[in-house]
C-alpha atoms as a PDB file:
ATOM      1  CA  MET A   1      -0.170   0.285   0.142  1.00  0.00           C
ATOM      2  CA  ALA A   2       2.781   2.240   1.203  1.00  0.00           C
ATOM      3  CA  ALA A   3       4.865   1.997  -2.122  1.00  0.00           C
ATOM      4  CA  ALA A   4       1.696   2.631  -4.377  1.00  0.00           C
ATOM      5  CA  LEU A   5       0.737   5.501  -2.376  1.00  0.00           C
ATOM      6  CA  SER A   6       4.985   6.597  -3.051  1.00  0.00           C
ATOM      7  CA  LEU A   7       5.287   5.813  -6.754  1.00  0.00           C
ATOM      8  CA  THR A   8       1.252   7.626  -8.035  1.00  0.00           C
ATOM      9  CA  LEU A   9       2.935  10.871  -5.737  1.00  0.00           C
ATOM     10  CA  ALA A  10       6.189  10.625  -7.216  1.00  0.00           C
ATOM     11  CA  LEU A  11       4.019  10.418 -11.127  1.00  0.00           C
ATOM     12  CA  GLY A  12       1.895  13.491 -10.244  1.00  0.00           C
ATOM     13  CA  ALA A  13       4.784  15.254  -9.464  1.00  0.00           C
ATOM     14  CA  CYS A  14       6.155  14.959 -12.752  1.00  0.00           C
ATOM     15  CA  ALA A  15       3.160  15.533 -14.531  1.00  0.00           C
ATOM     16  CA  ALA A  16       2.124  19.594 -16.105  1.00  0.00           C
ATOM     17  CA  PRO A  17      -1.000  20.357 -14.835  1.00  0.00           C
ATOM     18  CA  GLN A  18      -3.570  20.126 -16.962  1.00  0.00           C
ATOM     19  CA  GLY A  19      -3.402  23.689 -18.817  1.00  0.00           C
ATOM     20  CA  ALA A  20      -0.388  24.247 -18.305  1.00  0.00           C
ATOM     21  CA  GLY A  21       1.085  27.268 -20.547  1.00  0.00           C
ATOM     22  CA  THR A  22       3.792  26.500 -23.039  1.00  0.00           C
ATOM     23  CA  GLY A  23       6.468  28.555 -20.736  1.00  0.00           C
ATOM     24  CA  VAL A  24       7.242  31.134 -22.891  1.00  0.00           C
ATOM     25  CA  PRO A  25       5.905  34.527 -21.141  1.00  0.00           C
ATOM     26  CA  ALA A  26       3.492  36.794 -23.322  1.00  0.00           C
ATOM     27  CA  ALA A  27       4.709  40.555 -23.762  1.00  0.00           C
ATOM     28  CA  PRO A  28       3.945  42.946 -21.821  1.00  0.00           C
ATOM     29  CA  LEU A  29       1.375  45.444 -23.474  1.00  0.00           C
ATOM     30  CA  ARG A  30       1.360  48.950 -23.110  1.00  0.00           C
ATOM     31  CA  VAL A  31      -2.278  51.016 -23.884  1.00  0.00           C
ATOM     32  CA  THR A  32      -2.659  55.079 -24.457  1.00  0.00           C
ATOM     33  CA  ASN A  33      -5.611  56.520 -24.869  1.00  0.00           C
ATOM     34  CA  GLY A  34      -5.368  56.802 -29.008  1.00  0.00           C
ATOM     35  CA  GLY A  35      -1.493  57.733 -28.900  1.00  0.00           C
ATOM     36  CA  LEU A  36      -2.077  60.356 -25.850  1.00  0.00           C
ATOM     37  CA  PRO A  37      -1.411  59.269 -22.607  1.00  0.00           C
ATOM     38  CA  PHE A  38      -3.405  58.219 -20.122  1.00  0.00           C
ATOM     39  CA  ALA A  39      -4.207  59.498 -16.749  1.00  0.00           C
ATOM     40  CA  TYR A  40      -4.195  57.695 -13.172  1.00  0.00           C
ATOM     41  CA  HIS A  41      -7.513  57.657 -12.842  1.00  0.00           C
ATOM     42  CA  GLU A  42      -8.304  56.141 -16.234  1.00  0.00           C
ATOM     43  CA  GLY A  43      -7.936  52.684 -15.724  1.00  0.00           C
ATOM     44  CA  ALA A  44     -10.747  51.883 -16.183  1.00  0.00           C
ATOM     45  CA  ALA A  45     -10.666  53.042 -19.864  1.00  0.00           C
ATOM     46  CA  ALA A  46      -7.314  51.654 -20.211  1.00  0.00           C
ATOM     47  CA  ARG A  47      -8.704  48.158 -19.062  1.00  0.00           C
ATOM     48  CA  ARG A  48     -11.990  48.128 -21.960  1.00  0.00           C
ATOM     49  CA  VAL A  49      -9.030  49.412 -24.670  1.00  0.00           C
ATOM     50  CA  ALA A  50      -6.342  46.344 -24.137  1.00  0.00           C
ATOM     51  CA  MET A  51      -8.959  44.661 -23.341  1.00  0.00           C
ATOM     52  CA  GLU A  52     -10.410  45.655 -27.646  1.00  0.00           C
ATOM     53  CA  THR A  53      -6.650  45.749 -28.234  1.00  0.00           C
ATOM     54  CA  CYS A  54      -6.496  41.522 -27.511  1.00  0.00           C
ATOM     55  CA  ALA A  55      -9.972  40.950 -28.665  1.00  0.00           C
ATOM     56  CA  ALA A  56      -8.748  42.390 -31.786  1.00  0.00           C
ATOM     57  CA  GLU A  57      -6.215  40.216 -31.484  1.00  0.00           C
ATOM     58  CA  GLY A  58      -8.786  36.945 -31.361  1.00  0.00           C
ATOM     59  CA  ALA A  59      -6.729  36.638 -27.501  1.00  0.00           C
ATOM     60  CA  THR A  60      -7.889  37.718 -24.249  1.00  0.00           C
ATOM     61  CA  LEU A  61      -6.620  39.840 -21.591  1.00  0.00           C
ATOM     62  CA  ARG A  62      -4.486  38.672 -18.462  1.00  0.00           C
ATOM     63  CA  THR A  63      -4.702  40.508 -16.040  1.00  0.00           C
ATOM     64  CA  SER A  64      -2.265  41.142 -12.953  1.00  0.00           C
ATOM     65  CA  ILE A  65      -1.650  42.990  -9.403  1.00  0.00           C
ATOM     66  CA  TYR A  66       1.603  44.244 -10.835  1.00  0.00           C
ATOM     67  CA  ASP A  67      -0.256  45.620 -13.522  1.00  0.00           C
ATOM     68  CA  ARG A  68       0.703  49.458 -13.612  1.00  0.00           C
ATOM     69  CA  PHE A  69       1.018  53.163 -14.589  1.00  0.00           C
ATOM     70  CA  GLU A  70       3.953  54.185 -15.921  1.00  0.00           C
ATOM     71  CA  ALA A  71       4.325  57.452 -17.953  1.00  0.00           C
ATOM     72  CA  GLY A  72       1.735  57.694 -19.159  1.00  0.00           C
ATOM     73  CA  ALA A  73       0.671  54.416 -20.512  1.00  0.00           C
ATOM     74  CA  TRP A  74      -1.218  51.743 -18.665  1.00  0.00           C
ATOM     75  CA  VAL A  75       1.145  48.169 -18.802  1.00  0.00           C
ATOM     76  CA  PHE A  76      -0.878  45.161 -18.978  1.00  0.00           C
ATOM     77  CA  VAL A  77       2.133  42.677 -17.518  1.00  0.00           C
ATOM     78  CA  GLU A  78       0.761  39.645 -18.643  1.00  0.00           C
ATOM     79  CA  GLY A  79       0.033  40.794 -22.241  1.00  0.00           C
ATOM     80  CA  CYS A  80      -2.870  38.855 -24.544  1.00  0.00           C
ATOM     81  CA  ALA A  81      -3.695  35.760 -24.212  1.00  0.00           C
END
């Protein structure tokens, strides 16, 4: 019984979880307001633009706690997937 359990645990550790990525990180997506800078308080509008940008590529926006406002642009670090 103990041998079967340890074998099951060992095999489970080697398998990648279902739906695991390819290991290739997505490029960050920088969003501006039609070429003009966004303001810090316009994060919701920037997210809508980012979602539309990804949808145009047939992908979805991957948001993260590391998304940030930087020099007039909102940066979505995980980009589109």
